[in-house]
Amino acid sequence: MAKHVGVKIPEDLLNVLKKGRTVAVLATFSDKGLPHTTPIQTICPKGLESILISINKEHTGYHNMVWQKKVMLCFLDENNVAYSILGRAGVVRAPSLIHPLMNVVRIDIIDIKSDRSVLTRVESGVQWNYTSAEAEELSKALMGELKELAGNL
């Protein structure tokens, strides 16, 4: 059963986000009402009421969020972290200073709900590795950009 927890990122989710190893599922809708999901790996909290992400400007999820503005981010990670965040998206840097195909988006939190179940626990989130040294370098640079913006916006 969903429990609304407010607009501030809960401490357990904040700790997961600060590790920089989680994957969120971004949910958007097209102008025709078609749902779309996008896994996002470059995620950084900006305080307790906003989240910054990097996303490819050609991705359907990006086009949907620019049109619709309202998005959902779903997080499932170790220690029973299970939250969905409703937010309003706005582009803060296009293009990214790191890569011309990437844009930085700020998601201001409208509501957070806990998705924890009384029947099951989330033991681990999505496990992932870099596909190459170049991919690792790019991902780390994009995360660095988000952290810099989180401190300056």
Protein backbone atom coordinates (compact mmCIF):
# COMPACT_ATOMS: atom_id res chain seq x y z
CA MET A 1 0.00 0.00 0.00
CA ALA A 2 1.42 3.39 -0.98
CA LYS A 3 2.17 5.85 1.76
CA HIS A 4 2.78 9.49 0.92
CA VAL A 5 5.91 10.76 2.65
CA GLY A 6 5.93 14.42 1.53
CA VAL A 7 8.24 16.39 -0.76
CA LYS A 8 11.64 15.90 0.89
CA ILE A 9 13.87 13.01 -0.17
CA PRO A 10 13.86 10.44 2.67
CA GLU A 11 17.22 9.74 4.31
CA ASP A 12 17.48 6.14 3.07
CA LEU A 13 16.87 7.20 -0.54
CA LEU A 14 19.25 10.15 -0.17
CA ASN A 15 22.00 7.76 0.95
CA VAL A 16 21.39 5.55 -2.09
CA LEU A 17 21.47 8.56 -4.44
CA LYS A 18 24.73 9.84 -2.95
CA LYS A 19 26.44 6.51 -3.74
CA GLY A 20 25.89 7.19 -7.46
CA ARG A 21 25.20 3.54 -8.33
CA THR A 22 21.41 3.34 -8.48
CA VAL A 23 19.14 3.20 -11.50
CA ALA A 24 15.83 5.02 -11.56
CA VAL A 25 13.03 4.29 -13.98
CA LEU A 26 11.76 7.54 -15.48
CA ALA A 27 8.11 7.33 -16.56
CA THR A 28 6.66 9.82 -19.06
CA PHE A 29 3.70 10.15 -21.42
CA SER A 30 3.73 11.22 -25.05
CA ASP A 31 1.43 13.88 -26.48
CA LYS A 32 -0.72 10.96 -27.69
CA GLY A 33 -1.01 9.52 -24.17
CA LEU A 34 1.40 6.63 -24.73
CA PRO A 35 3.41 5.66 -21.64
CA HIS A 36 7.19 5.40 -21.88
CA THR A 37 9.91 4.32 -19.44
CA THR A 38 13.60 5.19 -19.45
CA PRO A 39 16.31 3.82 -17.15
CA ILE A 40 18.45 6.66 -15.76
CA GLN A 41 21.89 6.11 -14.18
CA THR A 42 23.20 9.67 -13.80
CA ILE A 43 21.15 10.99 -10.90
CA CYS A 44 22.13 13.52 -8.26
CA PRO A 45 20.07 15.04 -5.44
CA LYS A 46 19.94 18.83 -5.34
CA GLY A 47 19.08 19.47 -1.74
CA LEU A 48 16.10 17.50 -0.47
CA GLU A 49 13.42 18.77 -2.87
CA SER A 50 14.98 18.40 -6.34
CA ILE A 51 16.87 15.83 -8.39
CA LEU A 52 19.19 16.43 -11.34
CA ILE A 53 19.54 13.89 -14.15
CA SER A 54 21.48 13.64 -17.40
CA ILE A 55 19.52 12.30 -20.36
CA ASN A 56 20.16 11.94 -24.08
CA LYS A 57 18.36 14.72 -25.93
CA GLU A 58 17.27 12.29 -28.66
CA HIS A 59 15.59 9.88 -26.24
CA THR A 60 11.79 9.57 -26.31
CA GLY A 61 11.68 10.07 -22.53
CA TYR A 62 13.42 13.43 -22.91
CA HIS A 63 11.03 14.59 -25.64
CA ASN A 64 8.05 13.51 -23.52
CA MET A 65 9.29 15.34 -20.42
CA VAL A 66 9.91 18.54 -22.36
CA TRP A 67 6.33 18.39 -23.66
CA GLN A 68 4.54 17.09 -20.56
CA LYS A 69 6.75 18.42 -17.70
CA LYS A 70 5.30 16.00 -15.13
CA VAL A 71 7.31 12.81 -14.66
CA MET A 72 7.65 9.91 -12.24
CA LEU A 73 10.92 8.42 -11.04
CA CYS A 74 10.81 4.96 -9.46
CA PHE A 75 13.65 3.80 -7.19
CA LEU A 76 14.11 0.23 -5.94
CA ASP A 77 17.34 -0.48 -4.08
CA GLU A 78 18.95 -2.37 -1.22
CA ASN A 79 17.69 -2.13 2.37
CA ASN A 80 14.08 -1.98 1.17
CA VAL A 81 14.37 1.38 -0.58
CA ALA A 82 11.17 1.60 -2.64
CA TYR A 83 9.93 5.05 -3.62
CA SER A 84 8.16 6.78 -6.50
CA ILE A 85 8.68 10.50 -6.98
CA LEU A 86 6.25 12.70 -8.87
CA GLY A 87 8.00 15.78 -10.16
CA ARG A 88 8.02 18.67 -12.57
CA ALA A 89 10.90 18.59 -15.06
CA GLY A 90 12.76 21.54 -16.50
CA VAL A 91 15.90 21.65 -18.63
CA VAL A 92 18.73 23.49 -16.87
CA ARG A 93 21.58 22.89 -19.31
CA ALA A 94 21.32 22.04 -22.98
CA PRO A 95 23.63 20.72 -24.08
CA SER A 96 25.68 19.31 -21.25
CA LEU A 97 29.20 20.70 -21.01
CA ILE A 98 30.41 17.09 -21.05
CA HIS A 99 28.70 15.70 -24.15
CA PRO A 100 26.65 17.48 -26.86
CA LEU A 101 23.96 14.76 -26.97
CA MET A 102 23.26 14.95 -23.23
CA ASN A 103 21.07 17.50 -21.48
CA VAL A 104 20.73 18.20 -17.76
CA VAL A 105 17.22 18.23 -16.31
CA ARG A 106 16.08 19.34 -12.87
CA ILE A 107 13.09 17.54 -11.40
CA ASP A 108 11.37 19.50 -8.64
CA ILE A 109 9.55 17.13 -6.31
CA ILE A 110 5.76 17.44 -6.09
CA ASP A 111 5.16 14.29 -4.03
CA ILE A 112 6.98 11.18 -2.82
CA LYS A 113 5.30 7.92 -1.99
CA SER A 114 6.78 4.89 -0.31
CA ASP A 115 6.21 1.74 -2.37
CA ARG A 116 7.30 -0.67 0.36
CA SER A 117 5.24 -3.82 0.60
CA VAL A 118 4.01 -5.56 3.73
CA LEU A 119 4.64 -8.87 1.94
CA THR A 120 8.13 -8.45 0.46
CA ARG A 121 11.40 -6.52 0.93
CA VAL A 122 13.68 -5.10 -1.74
CA GLU A 123 17.07 -6.71 -1.08
CA SER A 124 19.04 -5.13 -3.90
CA GLY A 125 18.60 -2.73 -6.77
CA VAL A 126 19.67 -3.10 -10.37
CA GLN A 127 23.29 -4.25 -10.52
CA TRP A 128 25.32 -2.78 -13.36
CA ASN A 129 28.84 -2.29 -14.69
CA TYR A 130 30.35 0.00 -17.29
CA THR A 131 30.57 -1.40 -20.82
CA SER A 132 34.01 0.14 -21.43
CA ALA A 133 36.63 2.46 -19.96
CA GLU A 134 35.25 5.24 -22.17
CA ALA A 135 31.71 4.67 -20.87
CA GLU A 136 33.00 4.85 -17.29
CA GLU A 137 34.87 8.09 -18.04
CA LEU A 138 31.77 9.66 -19.64
CA SER A 139 29.43 8.55 -16.83
CA LYS A 140 31.76 9.86 -14.14
CA ALA A 141 32.16 13.18 -15.97
CA LEU A 142 28.37 13.53 -16.34
CA MET A 143 27.93 12.78 -12.63
CA GLY A 144 30.58 15.37 -11.82
CA GLU A 145 28.66 17.93 -13.84
CA LEU A 146 25.47 17.13 -11.94
CA LYS A 147 27.24 17.47 -8.58
CA GLU A 148 28.70 20.82 -9.62
CA LEU A 149 25.29 22.07 -10.72
CA ALA A 150 23.66 20.77 -7.53
CA GLY A 151 25.94 23.06 -5.56
CA ASN A 152 25.53 26.10 -7.82
CA LEU A 153 21.88 26.18 -8.95
